[in-house]
Amino acid sequence: MPWRNKEASSPSSANPSPEALQSPSSRGNMADKLKDPHTLGFLEAAVKISHTSPDIPAEVQMSVKEHIKRHTRLQRQTTEPASSTRHTSFKRHLPRQMHVSSVDYGNELPPAAEQPTSIGRIKPELYKQKSVDGDDAKSEAKSCGKINFSLRYDYENETLIVRILKAFDLPAKDFCGSSDPYVKIYLLPDRKCKLQTRVHRKTLNPTFDENFHFPVPYEELADRKLHLSVFDFDRFSRHDMIGEVILDNLFEASDLSRETSIWKDIQYATSESVDLGEIMFSLCYLPTAGRLTLTVIKCRNLKAMDITGYSDPYVKVSLLCDGRRLKKKKTTIKKNTLNPVYNEAIIFDIPPENMDQVSLLISVMDYDRVGHNEIIGVCRVGINAEGLGRDHWNEMLAYPRKPIAHWHSLVEVKKSFKEGNPRL
């Protein structure tokens, strides 16, 4: 070809123009063709192509392209792209979900287990927070401080003497970072006999130093367990349980012939319903006189409502008919006690034909000289009552003119039990 014999000494000789390759006779025709707009557009396109590639014949360009295409098709599946500046820029524009180091141009997708995790995708497990009330928090907080107590057996009086000395490093239950702790003492399996210490205000290291006596024969001690429950006193709601200690073997430290001091870890325990106490009263109905007599005998193990660890309890009895309070009467107030004794009779006049329409709501109240009187617990007797309340009522009707006495457990007041302002 003529352009191969040209010397490459100058840029003009290396890329000869189309005019240099044409004869003088054809130059006139070329001038006429330049006047044609269609021809001018074609030449402009040709000029643009010449800026990006050498002026190579079309046949050579097509053969080179086909060769490169076949070679690329054969090699793309087995080779990795070379690391170059152009490849680096290509890597930045790839989708984030693709492995740049091994680009697969096939149509098959990788298995689901081998798909990489998206960089921009949020992983919820990284943002999970441990719940304070969850099982993990409970397992981490098994120890809730320590408690120090001593045991001694009085052989002469056949009494086990439990001395609650102090507690150490209790958890804070109040917003101020403190607690108002007290300790309940049971000698299991008897839960009826419940004793408790005084409440100590705003401390995590209370010193109790109180003695408690449990009458029990010496030969029964092997079958008894000492249960200590540590609570946080709350004036306006349920008392929070801090933890508990259960001593399975009372002879663990000594034979109890002399006082032995014991330190135990207070174990975490879920909040349990606080015992509100029990009340004993009798029911007696005289059909001929239409007179119902309820005799309040006594209460035991009432919930402490005052900061002193005691309550000022009295009993209020309300006569209800279809949910409406018809009458109310109350006993005297017993100061500073959790086991008051009343033996006071409350009388209601009820005709026999109305006995299946009425019920009695018995509320044990805590007297407060300054604020509102608070309800410690309630129980209900009547045809529409539940459990023992219904059975006690039916037994009274079955045996007229005879006092029928039973112990009733106090429960929290429900909406169906409420019958007006508790302040009386």
Protein backbone atom coordinates (compact mmCIF):
# COMPACT_ATOMS: atom_id res chain seq x y z
CA MET A 1 0.00 0.00 0.00
CA PRO A 2 1.33 3.53 -0.80
CA TRP A 3 0.94 4.85 2.82
CA ARG A 4 3.27 2.19 4.18
CA ASN A 5 6.20 3.55 2.07
CA LYS A 6 5.87 7.03 3.58
CA GLU A 7 8.41 8.05 6.22
CA ALA A 8 7.11 8.67 9.73
CA SER A 9 9.27 11.73 10.29
CA SER A 10 6.36 14.12 10.73
CA PRO A 11 2.76 13.84 11.92
CA SER A 12 1.46 14.94 8.53
CA SER A 13 3.20 12.09 6.73
CA ALA A 14 2.07 9.51 9.23
CA ASN A 15 -1.60 10.33 8.64
CA PRO A 16 -2.03 11.45 5.04
CA SER A 17 -5.26 13.30 4.32
CA PRO A 18 -7.77 12.01 1.81
CA GLU A 19 -6.96 14.93 -0.54
CA ALA A 20 -3.32 13.87 -0.84
CA LEU A 21 -4.27 10.42 -2.08
CA GLN A 22 -6.59 11.61 -4.85
CA SER A 23 -5.65 12.63 -8.42
CA PRO A 24 -5.88 16.26 -9.64
CA SER A 25 -8.65 15.35 -12.01
CA SER A 26 -10.89 14.18 -9.24
CA ARG A 27 -10.34 17.20 -7.07
CA GLY A 28 -12.82 19.22 -9.08
CA ASN A 29 -15.48 16.62 -8.57
CA MET A 30 -14.70 16.57 -4.88
CA ALA A 31 -15.31 20.30 -4.59
CA ASP A 32 -18.70 19.84 -6.15
CA LYS A 33 -19.51 17.00 -3.74
CA LEU A 34 -18.63 19.16 -0.76
CA LYS A 35 -21.47 21.41 -1.67
CA ASP A 36 -23.89 18.53 -1.17
CA PRO A 37 -25.10 18.46 2.50
CA HIS A 38 -25.45 14.66 2.52
CA THR A 39 -21.88 14.23 1.45
CA LEU A 40 -20.73 16.75 4.05
CA GLY A 41 -22.38 14.78 6.89
CA PHE A 42 -20.72 11.59 5.74
CA LEU A 43 -17.30 13.23 5.74
CA GLU A 44 -17.78 14.64 9.20
CA ALA A 45 -18.56 11.15 10.50
CA ALA A 46 -15.42 9.87 8.85
CA VAL A 47 -13.36 12.60 10.43
CA LYS A 48 -14.69 11.71 13.90
CA ILE A 49 -13.73 8.09 13.43
CA SER A 50 -10.23 9.03 12.44
CA HIS A 51 -9.64 10.69 15.81
CA THR A 52 -10.12 7.47 17.77
CA SER A 53 -8.43 4.84 15.60
CA PRO A 54 -5.82 4.64 12.84
CA ASP A 55 -6.99 4.71 9.27
CA ILE A 56 -7.05 0.95 8.86
CA PRO A 57 -8.91 -0.75 6.04
CA ALA A 58 -12.35 -2.04 6.94
CA GLU A 59 -11.48 -5.65 6.12
CA VAL A 60 -8.58 -5.62 8.58
CA GLN A 61 -10.67 -3.96 11.30
CA MET A 62 -13.44 -6.55 10.97
CA SER A 63 -11.02 -9.49 11.12
CA VAL A 64 -9.26 -8.07 14.19
CA LYS A 65 -12.57 -7.47 16.00
CA GLU A 66 -13.76 -11.02 15.28
CA HIS A 67 -10.46 -12.43 16.53
CA ILE A 68 -10.59 -10.44 19.75
CA LYS A 69 -14.23 -11.37 20.30
CA ARG A 70 -13.53 -15.11 19.92
CA HIS A 71 -10.47 -14.90 22.15
CA THR A 72 -12.39 -13.05 24.84
CA ARG A 73 -15.24 -15.54 24.73
CA LEU A 74 -12.80 -18.40 25.32
CA GLN A 75 -10.78 -16.74 28.07
CA ARG A 76 -13.33 -14.92 30.16
CA GLN A 77 -14.40 -18.02 32.07
CA THR A 78 -10.86 -19.01 33.12
CA THR A 79 -8.93 -15.79 33.62
CA GLU A 80 -9.30 -12.92 36.04
CA PRO A 81 -9.26 -9.33 34.82
CA ALA A 82 -5.85 -7.72 35.00
CA SER A 83 -5.19 -5.17 37.71
CA SER A 84 -4.87 -1.84 35.97
CA THR A 85 -6.05 1.74 36.26
CA ARG A 86 -8.95 1.04 33.97
CA HIS A 87 -9.81 -2.09 35.92
CA THR A 88 -9.70 -0.10 39.18
CA SER A 89 -12.20 2.39 37.87
CA PHE A 90 -14.32 -0.49 36.63
CA LYS A 91 -14.23 -2.02 40.13
CA ARG A 92 -15.65 1.11 41.70
CA HIS A 93 -18.69 1.06 39.42
CA LEU A 94 -19.59 -2.58 40.05
CA PRO A 95 -22.66 -3.29 42.17
CA ARG A 96 -21.82 -3.86 45.82
CA GLN A 97 -23.31 -7.32 45.79
CA MET A 98 -20.69 -8.66 43.31
CA HIS A 99 -17.26 -10.13 44.02
CA VAL A 100 -14.94 -7.92 41.99
CA SER A 101 -12.03 -10.34 42.29
CA SER A 102 -13.90 -13.06 40.39
CA VAL A 103 -16.42 -11.61 37.96
CA ASP A 104 -18.63 -14.25 36.46
CA TYR A 105 -20.06 -13.39 33.06
CA GLY A 106 -22.23 -16.48 32.94
CA ASN A 107 -25.98 -16.60 33.41
CA GLU A 108 -25.93 -18.92 36.43
CA LEU A 109 -26.36 -17.39 39.86
CA PRO A 110 -24.29 -18.64 42.80
CA PRO A 111 -26.05 -20.80 45.40
CA ALA A 112 -27.93 -18.98 48.14
CA ALA A 113 -25.48 -20.17 50.81
CA GLU A 114 -22.52 -18.72 48.87
CA GLN A 115 -24.03 -15.32 48.14
CA PRO A 116 -22.09 -12.60 49.93
CA THR A 117 -23.77 -10.33 52.43
CA SER A 118 -24.67 -6.92 51.14
CA ILE A 119 -22.42 -4.20 52.49
CA GLY A 120 -25.23 -1.70 52.73
CA ARG A 121 -27.72 -4.08 54.33
CA ILE A 122 -28.56 -3.54 58.00
CA LYS A 123 -27.87 -6.47 60.33
CA PRO A 124 -30.56 -6.43 63.04
CA GLU A 125 -28.53 -8.69 65.33
CA LEU A 126 -25.95 -5.92 65.74
CA TYR A 127 -28.58 -3.62 67.18
CA LYS A 128 -30.28 -6.00 69.60
CA GLN A 129 -30.22 -4.84 73.20
CA LYS A 130 -30.42 -7.13 76.16
CA SER A 131 -33.69 -6.76 78.02
CA VAL A 132 -33.44 -5.92 81.68
CA ASP A 133 -36.25 -8.41 82.35
CA GLY A 134 -34.96 -11.06 80.02
CA ASP A 135 -33.50 -14.43 80.89
CA ASP A 136 -29.96 -13.21 80.25
CA ALA A 137 -30.33 -10.39 82.74
CA LYS A 138 -31.78 -12.81 85.27
CA SER A 139 -28.91 -15.25 84.91
CA GLU A 140 -26.37 -12.46 85.28
CA ALA A 141 -28.07 -11.11 88.42
CA LYS A 142 -28.47 -14.32 90.44
CA SER A 143 -26.76 -12.82 93.47
CA CYS A 144 -28.53 -9.84 95.06
CA GLY A 145 -26.24 -9.12 97.96
CA LYS A 146 -25.62 -11.05 101.17
CA ILE A 147 -27.48 -11.56 104.42
CA ASN A 148 -26.10 -12.41 107.84
CA PHE A 149 -28.18 -14.33 110.40
CA SER A 150 -27.67 -16.74 113.28
CA LEU A 151 -29.47 -19.82 114.59
CA ARG A 152 -29.78 -21.23 118.08
CA TYR A 153 -32.09 -23.79 119.62
CA ASP A 154 -33.56 -23.31 123.09
CA TYR A 155 -33.84 -26.88 124.40
CA GLU A 156 -35.69 -25.85 127.54
CA ASN A 157 -38.52 -24.07 125.69
CA GLU A 158 -38.25 -26.13 122.48
CA THR A 159 -37.90 -23.01 120.39
CA LEU A 160 -35.73 -22.18 117.39
CA ILE A 161 -34.32 -18.67 117.70
CA VAL A 162 -33.52 -16.94 114.41
CA ARG A 163 -31.58 -13.71 114.67
CA ILE A 164 -31.49 -11.50 111.57
CA LEU A 165 -28.29 -9.49 111.90
CA LYS A 166 -27.72 -7.46 108.72
CA ALA A 167 -27.68 -7.42 104.94
CA PHE A 168 -24.96 -6.18 102.65
CA ASP A 169 -24.80 -4.81 99.10
CA LEU A 170 -28.50 -5.01 98.28
CA PRO A 171 -29.64 -3.86 94.83
CA ALA A 172 -31.29 -0.45 94.51
CA LYS A 173 -35.02 -0.62 93.86
CA ASP A 174 -35.93 3.06 94.13
CA PHE A 175 -35.26 5.83 91.61
CA CYS A 176 -33.02 7.54 94.14
CA GLY A 177 -30.59 4.61 93.97
CA SER A 178 -31.54 3.12 97.33
CA SER A 179 -34.05 0.70 98.89
CA ASP A 180 -36.27 0.34 101.97
CA PRO A 181 -35.51 -3.29 102.85
CA TYR A 182 -37.10 -5.67 105.31
CA VAL A 183 -36.97 -9.46 105.76
CA LYS A 184 -39.76 -12.03 106.05
CA ILE A 185 -38.98 -15.27 107.88
CA TYR A 186 -40.74 -18.61 107.39
CA LEU A 187 -39.98 -22.00 108.87
CA LEU A 188 -41.15 -24.22 106.03
CA PRO A 189 -43.33 -26.06 105.28
CA ASP A 190 -45.46 -23.88 107.60
CA ARG A 191 -46.25 -20.62 105.83
CA LYS A 192 -48.98 -19.59 108.23
CA CYS A 193 -46.43 -18.46 110.80
CA LYS A 194 -44.77 -15.51 109.10
CA LEU A 195 -42.50 -13.11 110.94
CA GLN A 196 -40.74 -10.04 109.61
CA THR A 197 -38.24 -7.39 110.56
CA ARG A 198 -38.71 -3.65 110.70
CA VAL A 199 -38.31 -1.58 107.54
CA HIS A 200 -35.04 0.32 107.21
CA ARG A 201 -35.26 3.49 105.16
CA LYS A 202 -32.99 4.35 102.25
CA THR A 203 -30.14 1.92 102.73
CA LEU A 204 -28.49 -0.91 100.83
CA ASN A 205 -26.65 -2.19 103.93
CA PRO A 206 -29.28 -2.42 106.68
CA THR A 207 -28.55 -3.62 110.23
CA PHE A 208 -31.58 -5.40 111.67
CA ASP A 209 -30.37 -7.22 114.80
CA GLU A 210 -33.79 -8.73 115.61
CA ASN A 211 -34.68 -12.07 117.18
CA PHE A 212 -37.56 -14.31 116.10
CA HIS A 213 -38.86 -17.39 117.89
CA PHE A 214 -40.37 -20.48 116.24
CA PRO A 215 -41.83 -23.08 118.64
CA VAL A 216 -40.87 -26.45 117.18
CA PRO A 217 -39.83 -29.78 118.70
CA TYR A 218 -36.15 -30.61 118.27
CA GLU A 219 -36.88 -33.88 116.44
CA GLU A 220 -38.79 -31.95 113.73
CA LEU A 221 -35.91 -29.63 112.86
CA ALA A 222 -34.48 -32.11 110.36
CA ASP A 223 -37.66 -31.75 108.26
CA ARG A 224 -37.82 -27.95 108.43
CA LYS A 225 -36.33 -25.33 106.11
CA LEU A 226 -35.59 -21.71 106.88
CA HIS A 227 -36.88 -19.33 104.21
CA LEU A 228 -35.77 -15.68 104.26
CA SER A 229 -37.38 -13.30 101.75
CA VAL A 230 -35.91 -9.83 101.34
CA PHE A 231 -38.37 -7.16 100.17
CA ASP A 232 -38.27 -3.49 99.32
CA PHE A 233 -41.03 -1.57 101.07
CA ASP A 234 -43.28 0.54 98.83
CA ARG A 235 -45.83 2.86 100.37
CA PHE A 236 -48.10 3.12 97.34
CA SER A 237 -47.84 -0.20 95.48
CA ARG A 238 -46.74 -3.79 95.80
CA HIS A 239 -43.58 -4.44 97.73
CA ASP A 240 -40.78 -5.52 95.38
CA MET A 241 -39.07 -8.80 96.11
CA ILE A 242 -35.28 -8.38 96.14
CA GLY A 243 -34.35 -12.03 96.62
CA GLU A 244 -34.46 -15.00 98.94
CA VAL A 245 -32.38 -17.47 100.93
CA ILE A 246 -33.49 -21.04 101.62
CA LEU A 247 -31.52 -23.01 104.20
CA ASP A 248 -32.39 -26.65 103.59
CA ASN A 249 -30.32 -28.04 106.46
CA LEU A 250 -30.68 -26.21 109.75
CA PHE A 251 -27.74 -28.17 111.12
CA GLU A 252 -25.48 -27.04 108.30
CA ALA A 253 -23.20 -24.94 110.50
CA SER A 254 -23.57 -26.54 113.93
CA ASP A 255 -25.84 -28.60 116.19
CA LEU A 256 -27.65 -25.36 117.25
CA SER A 257 -26.61 -25.79 120.86
CA ARG A 258 -24.86 -22.43 120.62
CA GLU A 259 -25.49 -19.39 118.44
CA THR A 260 -23.81 -19.72 115.07
CA SER A 261 -23.44 -16.85 112.59
CA ILE A 262 -24.15 -17.66 108.92
CA TRP A 263 -23.54 -15.60 105.77
CA LYS A 264 -25.58 -16.46 102.67
CA ASP A 265 -25.87 -15.01 99.18
CA ILE A 266 -29.31 -13.60 98.48
CA GLN A 267 -30.47 -15.37 95.35
CA TYR A 268 -32.46 -13.58 92.67
CA ALA A 269 -36.15 -14.49 92.69
CA THR A 270 -39.00 -13.41 90.47
CA SER A 271 -41.55 -11.10 91.99
CA GLU A 272 -44.17 -13.04 93.84
CA SER A 273 -47.52 -11.95 95.10
CA VAL A 274 -47.08 -10.50 98.55
CA ASP A 275 -49.21 -12.16 101.21
CA LEU A 276 -51.95 -9.75 102.23
CA GLY A 277 -52.94 -11.82 105.23
CA GLU A 278 -56.05 -13.66 106.39
CA ILE A 279 -59.21 -12.85 108.30
CA MET A 280 -61.41 -15.08 110.42
CA PHE A 281 -65.10 -14.30 110.84
CA SER A 282 -68.29 -16.20 111.50
CA LEU A 283 -71.70 -15.97 109.82
CA CYS A 284 -75.02 -16.65 111.51
CA TYR A 285 -78.51 -16.08 110.10
CA LEU A 286 -81.83 -16.05 111.97
CA PRO A 287 -84.61 -16.61 109.39
CA THR A 288 -87.46 -15.75 111.77
CA ALA A 289 -85.96 -12.41 112.72
CA GLY A 290 -84.39 -11.77 109.31
CA ARG A 291 -81.10 -10.96 111.00
CA LEU A 292 -77.61 -11.68 109.65
CA THR A 293 -74.72 -11.48 112.14
CA LEU A 294 -71.11 -11.34 111.00
CA THR A 295 -68.62 -11.59 113.85
CA VAL A 296 -65.10 -10.39 113.03
CA ILE A 297 -62.86 -12.58 115.17
CA LYS A 298 -59.28 -11.74 114.19
CA CYS A 299 -56.73 -11.28 111.41
CA ARG A 300 -53.23 -12.64 110.97
CA ASN A 301 -50.13 -11.88 108.93
CA LEU A 302 -51.52 -8.67 107.48
CA LYS A 303 -49.46 -6.71 104.99
CA ALA A 304 -47.39 -3.95 106.62
CA MET A 305 -48.64 -0.60 105.39
CA ASP A 306 -46.63 1.78 107.60
CA ILE A 307 -42.94 2.53 107.53
CA THR A 308 -42.69 1.07 111.04
CA GLY A 309 -43.41 -2.36 109.58
CA TYR A 310 -46.89 -2.48 111.07
CA SER A 311 -50.43 -1.34 110.25
CA ASP A 312 -53.39 0.21 112.03
CA PRO A 313 -56.06 -2.18 110.78
CA TYR A 314 -59.81 -2.12 111.06
CA VAL A 315 -62.49 -4.09 109.20
CA LYS A 316 -65.24 -2.58 107.07
CA VAL A 317 -68.23 -4.71 106.05
CA SER A 318 -70.48 -3.56 103.18
CA LEU A 319 -73.89 -5.00 102.30
CA LEU A 320 -74.21 -5.14 98.50
CA CYS A 321 -77.25 -5.70 96.29
CA ASP A 322 -76.80 -5.93 92.52
CA GLY A 323 -73.43 -4.20 92.84
CA ARG A 324 -74.81 -1.27 94.86
CA ARG A 325 -73.80 -0.65 98.44
CA LEU A 326 -76.81 -0.53 100.73
CA LYS A 327 -75.12 -0.28 104.11
CA LYS A 328 -71.66 -0.29 105.64
CA LYS A 329 -70.35 -0.88 109.14
CA LYS A 330 -66.87 -1.13 110.63
CA THR A 331 -64.94 -2.37 113.63
CA THR A 332 -62.63 -0.47 115.94
CA ILE A 333 -59.05 0.36 114.94
CA LYS A 334 -56.18 -1.72 116.30
CA LYS A 335 -52.91 0.22 116.41
CA ASN A 336 -49.47 -1.03 115.39
CA THR A 337 -50.23 -4.67 114.74
CA LEU A 338 -50.35 -7.19 111.92
CA ASN A 339 -52.35 -9.72 113.95
CA PRO A 340 -55.32 -7.84 115.42
CA VAL A 341 -58.01 -9.46 117.53
CA TYR A 342 -61.52 -7.95 117.37
CA ASN A 343 -64.35 -10.29 118.44
CA GLU A 344 -66.85 -7.68 117.29
CA ALA A 345 -70.30 -8.43 115.86
CA ILE A 346 -71.83 -6.59 112.90
CA ILE A 347 -75.58 -7.03 112.31
CA PHE A 348 -77.67 -6.52 109.15
CA ASP A 349 -81.45 -6.90 108.84
CA ILE A 350 -82.20 -8.90 105.68
CA PRO A 351 -85.57 -10.60 104.94
CA PRO A 352 -85.30 -14.28 103.95
CA GLU A 353 -86.69 -13.59 100.45
CA ASN A 354 -83.76 -11.23 99.74
CA MET A 355 -80.93 -13.48 100.90
CA ASP A 356 -80.24 -14.70 97.36
CA GLN A 357 -79.87 -11.12 96.11
CA VAL A 358 -77.27 -9.77 98.55
CA SER A 359 -73.63 -10.36 99.35
CA LEU A 360 -71.08 -9.06 101.86
CA LEU A 361 -67.79 -7.39 101.02
CA ILE A 362 -65.28 -7.57 103.87
CA SER A 363 -62.43 -5.08 103.55
CA VAL A 364 -59.46 -4.89 105.89
CA MET A 365 -58.32 -1.27 105.99
CA ASP A 366 -55.24 0.55 107.26
CA TYR A 367 -56.10 3.70 109.17
CA ASP A 368 -54.10 6.80 108.27
CA ARG A 369 -54.45 9.92 110.38
CA VAL A 370 -53.14 12.24 107.66
CA GLY A 371 -53.98 10.81 104.24
CA HIS A 372 -56.50 8.37 102.85
CA ASN A 373 -57.21 5.09 104.56
CA GLU A 374 -55.86 2.28 102.41
CA ILE A 375 -57.26 -1.13 101.58
CA ILE A 376 -55.00 -3.96 102.70
CA GLY A 377 -57.14 -6.70 101.17
CA VAL A 378 -60.71 -7.88 100.68
CA CYS A 379 -62.83 -11.00 100.54
CA ARG A 380 -66.45 -11.60 99.55
CA VAL A 381 -69.20 -13.94 100.68
CA GLY A 382 -72.56 -14.52 99.01
CA ILE A 383 -74.46 -16.59 96.47
CA ASN A 384 -72.48 -15.04 93.60
CA ALA A 385 -69.10 -15.17 95.36
CA GLU A 386 -66.33 -17.55 94.36
CA GLY A 387 -64.77 -20.51 96.13
CA LEU A 388 -64.81 -20.38 99.90
CA GLY A 389 -66.92 -17.22 99.90
CA ARG A 390 -69.81 -19.05 98.25
CA ASP A 391 -69.33 -22.22 100.32
CA HIS A 392 -69.30 -20.28 103.59
CA TRP A 393 -72.55 -18.51 102.63
CA ASN A 394 -74.30 -21.75 101.64
CA GLU A 395 -73.16 -23.44 104.85
CA MET A 396 -74.64 -20.56 106.87
CA LEU A 397 -78.00 -20.96 105.08
CA ALA A 398 -77.92 -24.73 105.56
CA TYR A 399 -77.37 -24.40 109.32
CA PRO A 400 -79.50 -21.46 110.52
CA ARG A 401 -79.04 -20.00 114.01
CA LYS A 402 -75.55 -21.53 114.20
CA PRO A 403 -72.35 -19.44 113.84
CA ILE A 404 -70.12 -20.81 111.10
CA ALA A 405 -66.50 -19.57 111.27
CA HIS A 406 -63.80 -19.82 108.57
CA TRP A 407 -60.44 -18.28 107.68
CA HIS A 408 -60.50 -16.28 104.43
CA SER A 409 -57.44 -15.18 102.48
CA LEU A 410 -57.36 -11.52 101.56
CA VAL A 411 -56.96 -10.59 97.92
CA GLU A 412 -56.35 -7.34 96.12
CA VAL A 413 -59.41 -5.26 95.49
CA LYS A 414 -60.84 -5.69 92.00
CA LYS A 415 -62.96 -3.27 90.03
CA SER A 416 -66.01 -5.39 90.71
CA PHE A 417 -65.30 -5.12 94.45
CA LYS A 418 -64.96 -1.36 94.59
CA GLU A 419 -67.89 0.33 96.23
CA GLY A 420 -66.97 3.95 96.67
CA ASN A 421 -64.24 5.94 98.31
CA PRO A 422 -62.21 3.78 100.71
CA ARG A 423 -61.76 6.67 103.10
CA LEU A 424 -64.16 6.29 106.02
